[in-house]
C-alpha atoms as a PDB file:
ATOM      1  CA  UNK A   1      18.210 -14.628 -28.960  1.00  0.00           C
ATOM      2  CA  UNK A   2      15.705 -17.522 -30.547  1.00  0.00           C
ATOM      3  CA  UNK A   3      14.217 -19.221 -27.945  1.00  0.00           C
ATOM      4  CA  UNK A   4      13.397 -23.371 -28.071  1.00  0.00           C
ATOM      5  CA  UNK A   5      15.301 -26.153 -29.603  1.00  0.00           C
ATOM      6  CA  UNK A   6      18.546 -25.050 -30.239  1.00  0.00           C
ATOM      7  CA  UNK A   7      22.528 -27.005 -30.593  1.00  0.00           C
ATOM      8  CA  UNK A   8      26.173 -25.870 -29.962  1.00  0.00           C
ATOM      9  CA  UNK A   9      28.964 -27.746 -32.114  1.00  0.00           C
ATOM     10  CA  UNK A  10      32.088 -28.573 -31.941  1.00  0.00           C
ATOM     11  CA  UNK A  11      34.959 -29.403 -34.158  1.00  0.00           C
ATOM     12  CA  UNK A  12      38.614 -29.511 -34.570  1.00  0.00           C
ATOM     13  CA  UNK A  13      42.161 -29.826 -36.719  1.00  0.00           C
ATOM     14  CA  UNK A  14      44.899 -31.514 -34.973  1.00  0.00           C
ATOM     15  CA  UNK A  15      48.825 -30.773 -35.788  1.00  0.00           C
ATOM     16  CA  UNK A  16      48.674 -33.196 -39.004  1.00  0.00           C
ATOM     17  CA  UNK A  17      45.733 -31.484 -40.138  1.00  0.00           C
ATOM     18  CA  UNK A  18      43.262 -34.012 -39.625  1.00  0.00           C
ATOM     19  CA  UNK A  19      39.374 -33.694 -38.560  1.00  0.00           C
ATOM     20  CA  UNK A  20      37.110 -35.666 -36.974  1.00  0.00           C
ATOM     21  CA  UNK A  21      34.380 -37.134 -39.705  1.00  0.00           C
ATOM     22  CA  UNK A  22      31.451 -35.224 -37.928  1.00  0.00           C
ATOM     23  CA  UNK A  23      31.174 -32.360 -35.581  1.00  0.00           C
ATOM     24  CA  UNK A  24      30.220 -32.981 -31.935  1.00  0.00           C
ATOM     25  CA  UNK A  25      26.820 -31.449 -31.502  1.00  0.00           C
ATOM     26  CA  UNK A  26      25.213 -30.443 -28.103  1.00  0.00           C
ATOM     27  CA  UNK A  27      21.841 -30.087 -28.132  1.00  0.00           C
ATOM     28  CA  UNK A  28      19.606 -27.900 -25.795  1.00  0.00           C
ATOM     29  CA  UNK A  29      16.773 -25.692 -25.062  1.00  0.00           C
ATOM     30  CA  UNK A  30      16.881 -22.226 -25.220  1.00  0.00           C
ATOM     31  CA  UNK A  31      13.847 -20.813 -22.277  1.00  0.00           C
ATOM     32  CA  UNK A  32      12.257 -17.131 -23.031  1.00  0.00           C
ATOM     33  CA  UNK A  33      12.541 -14.424 -20.146  1.00  0.00           C
ATOM     34  CA  UNK A  34       9.139 -13.650 -19.168  1.00  0.00           C
ATOM     35  CA  UNK A  35       7.301 -11.488 -21.429  1.00  0.00           C
ATOM     36  CA  UNK A  36       6.791  -7.784 -21.021  1.00  0.00           C
ATOM     37  CA  UNK A  37       3.602  -6.604 -17.556  1.00  0.00           C
ATOM     38  CA  UNK A  38       0.797  -5.435 -18.981  1.00  0.00           C
ATOM     39  CA  UNK A  39      -1.293  -2.433 -16.697  1.00  0.00           C
ATOM     40  CA  UNK A  40      -1.637  -2.626 -13.093  1.00  0.00           C
ATOM     41  CA  UNK A  41      -5.250  -1.824 -11.888  1.00  0.00           C
ATOM     42  CA  UNK A  42      -6.482  -1.035  -8.404  1.00  0.00           C
ATOM     43  CA  UNK A  43      -6.903   2.189  -6.421  1.00  0.00           C
ATOM     44  CA  UNK A  44      -5.336   5.297  -7.337  1.00  0.00           C
ATOM     45  CA  UNK A  45      -5.976   6.842  -4.233  1.00  0.00           C
ATOM     46  CA  UNK A  46      -5.879   5.578  -0.315  1.00  0.00           C
ATOM     47  CA  UNK A  47      -5.805   6.701   2.801  1.00  0.00           C
ATOM     48  CA  UNK A  48      -2.681   5.803   4.636  1.00  0.00           C
ATOM     49  CA  UNK A  49      -3.065   3.059   7.832  1.00  0.00           C
ATOM     50  CA  UNK A  50      -5.739   1.132   5.036  1.00  0.00           C
ATOM     51  CA  UNK A  51      -5.315  -2.198   4.680  1.00  0.00           C
ATOM     52  CA  UNK A  52      -6.487  -4.840   2.116  1.00  0.00           C
ATOM     53  CA  UNK A  53      -5.622  -2.439  -1.028  1.00  0.00           C
ATOM     54  CA  UNK A  54      -5.922  -4.856  -3.723  1.00  0.00           C
ATOM     55  CA  UNK A  55      -3.951  -4.702  -7.067  1.00  0.00           C
ATOM     56  CA  UNK A  56      -3.387  -6.915  -9.896  1.00  0.00           C
ATOM     57  CA  UNK A  57      -2.177  -7.907 -13.655  1.00  0.00           C
ATOM     58  CA  UNK A  58      -3.072  -9.502 -16.172  1.00  0.00           C
ATOM     59  CA  UNK A  59      -1.282 -13.108 -16.653  1.00  0.00           C
ATOM     60  CA  UNK A  60       2.046 -12.458 -17.866  1.00  0.00           C
ATOM     61  CA  UNK A  61       3.536 -15.339 -20.316  1.00  0.00           C
ATOM     62  CA  UNK A  62       6.245 -17.465 -19.470  1.00  0.00           C
ATOM     63  CA  UNK A  63       6.216 -16.103 -16.201  1.00  0.00           C
ATOM     64  CA  UNK A  64       6.789 -18.287 -12.824  1.00  0.00           C
ATOM     65  CA  UNK A  65       6.301 -15.605 -10.247  1.00  0.00           C
ATOM     66  CA  UNK A  66       5.166 -11.798 -10.147  1.00  0.00           C
ATOM     67  CA  UNK A  67       7.682  -9.708  -8.503  1.00  0.00           C
ATOM     68  CA  UNK A  68       6.382  -6.232  -7.184  1.00  0.00           C
ATOM     69  CA  UNK A  69       7.465  -2.814  -5.703  1.00  0.00           C
ATOM     70  CA  UNK A  70       5.814  -0.729  -3.374  1.00  0.00           C
ATOM     71  CA  UNK A  71       5.846   3.365  -2.161  1.00  0.00           C
ATOM     72  CA  UNK A  72       7.723   3.736   0.926  1.00  0.00           C
ATOM     73  CA  UNK A  73       5.627   2.271   3.849  1.00  0.00           C
ATOM     74  CA  UNK A  74       3.236  -0.282   2.151  1.00  0.00           C
ATOM     75  CA  UNK A  75       3.494  -4.116   2.263  1.00  0.00           C
ATOM     76  CA  UNK A  76       2.104  -7.161  -0.010  1.00  0.00           C
ATOM     77  CA  UNK A  77      -0.586  -8.274   2.979  1.00  0.00           C
ATOM     78  CA  UNK A  78      -1.143 -11.406   0.622  1.00  0.00           C
ATOM     79  CA  UNK A  79      -0.783 -13.128  -2.829  1.00  0.00           C
ATOM     80  CA  UNK A  80       3.031 -12.376  -2.683  1.00  0.00           C
ATOM     81  CA  UNK A  81       4.694 -13.440  -6.294  1.00  0.00           C
ATOM     82  CA  UNK A  82       1.114 -13.410  -7.769  1.00  0.00           C
ATOM     83  CA  UNK A  83      -0.597 -11.769 -10.848  1.00  0.00           C
ATOM     84  CA  UNK A  84      -2.918 -10.366  -7.793  1.00  0.00           C
ATOM     85  CA  UNK A  85      -1.587  -8.846  -4.454  1.00  0.00           C
ATOM     86  CA  UNK A  86      -3.904  -7.389  -1.215  1.00  0.00           C
ATOM     87  CA  UNK A  87      -1.655  -4.304  -0.251  1.00  0.00           C
ATOM     88  CA  UNK A  88      -1.565  -2.646   3.731  1.00  0.00           C
ATOM     89  CA  UNK A  89      -1.007   1.113   3.513  1.00  0.00           C
ATOM     90  CA  UNK A  90       1.125   1.714   7.030  1.00  0.00           C
ATOM     91  CA  UNK A  91       0.560   5.304   8.715  1.00  0.00           C
ATOM     92  CA  UNK A  92       3.732   6.342   7.470  1.00  0.00           C
ATOM     93  CA  UNK A  93       3.332   5.227   3.896  1.00  0.00           C
ATOM     94  CA  UNK A  94       3.489   7.296   0.963  1.00  0.00           C
ATOM     95  CA  UNK A  95       2.500   8.053  -2.259  1.00  0.00           C
ATOM     96  CA  UNK A  96       4.282   6.502  -5.185  1.00  0.00           C
ATOM     97  CA  UNK A  97       4.396   4.360  -8.236  1.00  0.00           C
ATOM     98  CA  UNK A  98       3.350   0.422  -8.168  1.00  0.00           C
ATOM     99  CA  UNK A  99       5.002  -1.738 -10.955  1.00  0.00           C
ATOM    100  CA  UNK A 100       5.703  -5.037 -11.571  1.00  0.00           C
ATOM    101  CA  UNK A 101       7.087  -7.767 -13.824  1.00  0.00           C
ATOM    102  CA  UNK A 102       7.345 -11.592 -14.234  1.00  0.00           C
ATOM    103  CA  UNK A 103      10.030 -13.697 -13.291  1.00  0.00           C
ATOM    104  CA  UNK A 104      11.703 -17.483 -14.043  1.00  0.00           C
ATOM    105  CA  UNK A 105      14.417 -18.973 -13.844  1.00  0.00           C
ATOM    106  CA  UNK A 106      16.076 -16.675 -17.067  1.00  0.00           C
ATOM    107  CA  UNK A 107      15.742 -13.880 -15.382  1.00  0.00           C
ATOM    108  CA  UNK A 108      13.324 -10.671 -15.041  1.00  0.00           C
ATOM    109  CA  UNK A 109      10.750  -9.844 -17.845  1.00  0.00           C
ATOM    110  CA  UNK A 110      10.143  -6.158 -18.420  1.00  0.00           C
ATOM    111  CA  UNK A 111       8.335  -4.365 -16.189  1.00  0.00           C
ATOM    112  CA  UNK A 112       4.901  -2.425 -16.399  1.00  0.00           C
ATOM    113  CA  UNK A 113       4.233   1.084 -16.234  1.00  0.00           C
ATOM    114  CA  UNK A 114       4.148   2.101 -13.381  1.00  0.00           C
ATOM    115  CA  UNK A 115       0.845   2.821 -11.509  1.00  0.00           C
ATOM    116  CA  UNK A 116       0.794   5.726  -9.476  1.00  0.00           C
ATOM    117  CA  UNK A 117      -1.069   5.474  -5.620  1.00  0.00           C
ATOM    118  CA  UNK A 118      -1.783   9.163  -3.911  1.00  0.00           C
ATOM    119  CA  UNK A 119      -1.255   7.550  -0.444  1.00  0.00           C
ATOM    120  CA  UNK A 120      -3.703  10.726   1.873  1.00  0.00           C
ATOM    121  CA  UNK A 121      -1.946  11.037   5.885  1.00  0.00           C
ATOM    122  CA  UNK A 122      -3.690  10.203   8.930  1.00  0.00           C
ATOM    123  CA  UNK A 123      -4.819  13.702  10.736  1.00  0.00           C
ATOM    124  CA  UNK A 124      -2.027  14.302  13.099  1.00  0.00           C
ATOM    125  CA  UNK A 125      -2.551  13.922  17.170  1.00  0.00           C
ATOM    126  CA  UNK A 126      -5.205  16.143  18.734  1.00  0.00           C
ATOM    127  CA  UNK A 127      -3.597  18.615  20.653  1.00  0.00           C
ATOM    128  CA  UNK A 128      -4.483  19.669  24.338  1.00  0.00           C
ATOM    129  CA  UNK A 129      -8.479  20.055  24.995  1.00  0.00           C
ATOM    130  CA  UNK A 130      -9.358  23.306  26.792  1.00  0.00           C
ATOM    131  CA  UNK A 131     -12.383  24.237  28.926  1.00  0.00           C
ATOM    132  CA  UNK A 132     -13.719  23.476  32.166  1.00  0.00           C
ATOM    133  CA  UNK A 133     -12.718  20.685  34.495  1.00  0.00           C
ATOM    134  CA  UNK A 134     -15.273  20.820  36.727  1.00  0.00           C
ATOM    135  CA  UNK A 135     -19.452  22.006  36.123  1.00  0.00           C
ATOM    136  CA  UNK A 136     -21.930  21.503  38.118  1.00  0.00           C
ATOM    137  CA  UNK A 137     -24.960  19.465  37.483  1.00  0.00           C
ATOM    138  CA  UNK A 138     -27.469  20.491  34.493  1.00  0.00           C
ATOM    139  CA  UNK A 139     -25.124  22.698  33.145  1.00  0.00           C
ATOM    140  CA  UNK A 140     -26.039  23.844  29.908  1.00  0.00           C
ATOM    141  CA  UNK A 141     -23.494  26.329  27.022  1.00  0.00           C
ATOM    142  CA  UNK A 142     -20.848  24.791  28.439  1.00  0.00           C
ATOM    143  CA  UNK A 143     -17.638  24.902  25.820  1.00  0.00           C
ATOM    144  CA  UNK A 144     -14.542  23.174  25.086  1.00  0.00           C
ATOM    145  CA  UNK A 145     -12.117  23.307  21.866  1.00  0.00           C
ATOM    146  CA  UNK A 146      -9.207  21.700  20.666  1.00  0.00           C
ATOM    147  CA  UNK A 147      -6.133  23.480  18.298  1.00  0.00           C
ATOM    148  CA  UNK A 148      -6.399  22.656  14.995  1.00  0.00           C
ATOM    149  CA  UNK A 149      -5.681  19.269  14.214  1.00  0.00           C
ATOM    150  CA  UNK A 150      -3.104  18.879  10.909  1.00  0.00           C
ATOM    151  CA  UNK A 151      -4.713  17.208   8.115  1.00  0.00           C
ATOM    152  CA  UNK A 152      -8.096  17.170   9.562  1.00  0.00           C
ATOM    153  CA  UNK A 153     -11.346  17.394   7.674  1.00  0.00           C
ATOM    154  CA  UNK A 154     -13.877  16.906  10.220  1.00  0.00           C
ATOM    155  CA  UNK A 155     -13.417  16.319  14.110  1.00  0.00           C
ATOM    156  CA  UNK A 156     -15.032  13.809  16.044  1.00  0.00           C
ATOM    157  CA  UNK A 157     -15.827  13.859  19.989  1.00  0.00           C
ATOM    158  CA  UNK A 158     -17.074  11.900  22.685  1.00  0.00           C
ATOM    159  CA  UNK A 159     -18.799  13.342  26.014  1.00  0.00           C
ATOM    160  CA  UNK A 160     -19.232  11.521  29.310  1.00  0.00           C
ATOM    161  CA  UNK A 161     -22.622   9.480  29.901  1.00  0.00           C
ATOM    162  CA  UNK A 162     -25.422  11.848  30.093  1.00  0.00           C
ATOM    163  CA  UNK A 163     -23.559  14.926  28.386  1.00  0.00           C
ATOM    164  CA  UNK A 164     -24.931  15.983  24.858  1.00  0.00           C
ATOM    165  CA  UNK A 165     -22.695  18.298  21.957  1.00  0.00           C
ATOM    166  CA  UNK A 166     -25.341  20.871  21.647  1.00  0.00           C
ATOM    167  CA  UNK A 167     -23.233  22.836  18.684  1.00  0.00           C
ATOM    168  CA  UNK A 168     -20.387  22.426  16.818  1.00  0.00           C
ATOM    169  CA  UNK A 169     -20.137  18.576  17.064  1.00  0.00           C
ATOM    170  CA  UNK A 170     -17.830  18.307  14.109  1.00  0.00           C
ATOM    171  CA  UNK A 171     -15.542  21.221  14.761  1.00  0.00           C
ATOM    172  CA  UNK A 172     -12.773  21.704  16.841  1.00  0.00           C
ATOM    173  CA  UNK A 173     -15.297  24.091  19.069  1.00  0.00           C
ATOM    174  CA  UNK A 174     -17.808  22.343  20.630  1.00  0.00           C
ATOM    175  CA  UNK A 175     -21.189  23.687  23.260  1.00  0.00           C
ATOM    176  CA  UNK A 176     -22.185  21.209  25.600  1.00  0.00           C
ATOM    177  CA  UNK A 177     -24.834  20.435  28.203  1.00  0.00           C
ATOM    178  CA  UNK A 178     -24.616  17.900  31.169  1.00  0.00           C
ATOM    179  CA  UNK A 179     -27.173  16.183  32.605  1.00  0.00           C
ATOM    180  CA  UNK A 180     -28.514  16.159  36.288  1.00  0.00           C
ATOM    181  CA  UNK A 181     -26.131  12.830  37.232  1.00  0.00           C
ATOM    182  CA  UNK A 182     -22.956  13.805  38.862  1.00  0.00           C
ATOM    183  CA  UNK A 183     -19.436  12.053  38.665  1.00  0.00           C
ATOM    184  CA  UNK A 184     -16.755  12.019  36.718  1.00  0.00           C
ATOM    185  CA  UNK A 185     -15.941  11.560  33.007  1.00  0.00           C
ATOM    186  CA  UNK A 186     -13.929  12.304  30.079  1.00  0.00           C
ATOM    187  CA  UNK A 187     -14.101  14.297  27.454  1.00  0.00           C
ATOM    188  CA  UNK A 188     -12.136  13.141  23.607  1.00  0.00           C
ATOM    189  CA  UNK A 189     -11.554  14.358  20.739  1.00  0.00           C
ATOM    190  CA  UNK A 190      -9.930  13.211  17.415  1.00  0.00           C
ATOM    191  CA  UNK A 191      -9.652  14.085  13.551  1.00  0.00           C
END
């Protein structure tokens, strides 16, 4: 249990009661386990699909490497084995804890206090857009809508070249004015 120079000795007594003049001594050095890990710093709330989020801890004495654990769906993008890592949160990542401990040839040191990370989900896929599929050139007040998108706080629409969203641009219902040019186009929406 003591770190540093130590020794082990052995002696014996034979069947005649004789002992050697001195015990045999084997000198050795007891290496320490890594010290306890300190607090982790980084971003506590992220969005699913976010990449390169940095987490770090202070240097851990006697650590040859650093062992990190992450929430489900998160991976170390860079810095594995070091005191500072960049983490990618996949689209399906969930909230959870990040911990770290120092490691060396003797084993793992005491794990840090958990650093809680809240992973906010991406909006769900958009449903089917409803509205007229054929309009006259120059039409105004043409309404399009999509069912509510789970997890969306606003809506991003795209309309064909020459068309303009006249109202509802960040909502699930928009009104469009079409220009005088004719041709096919596509309307899209995402949360």
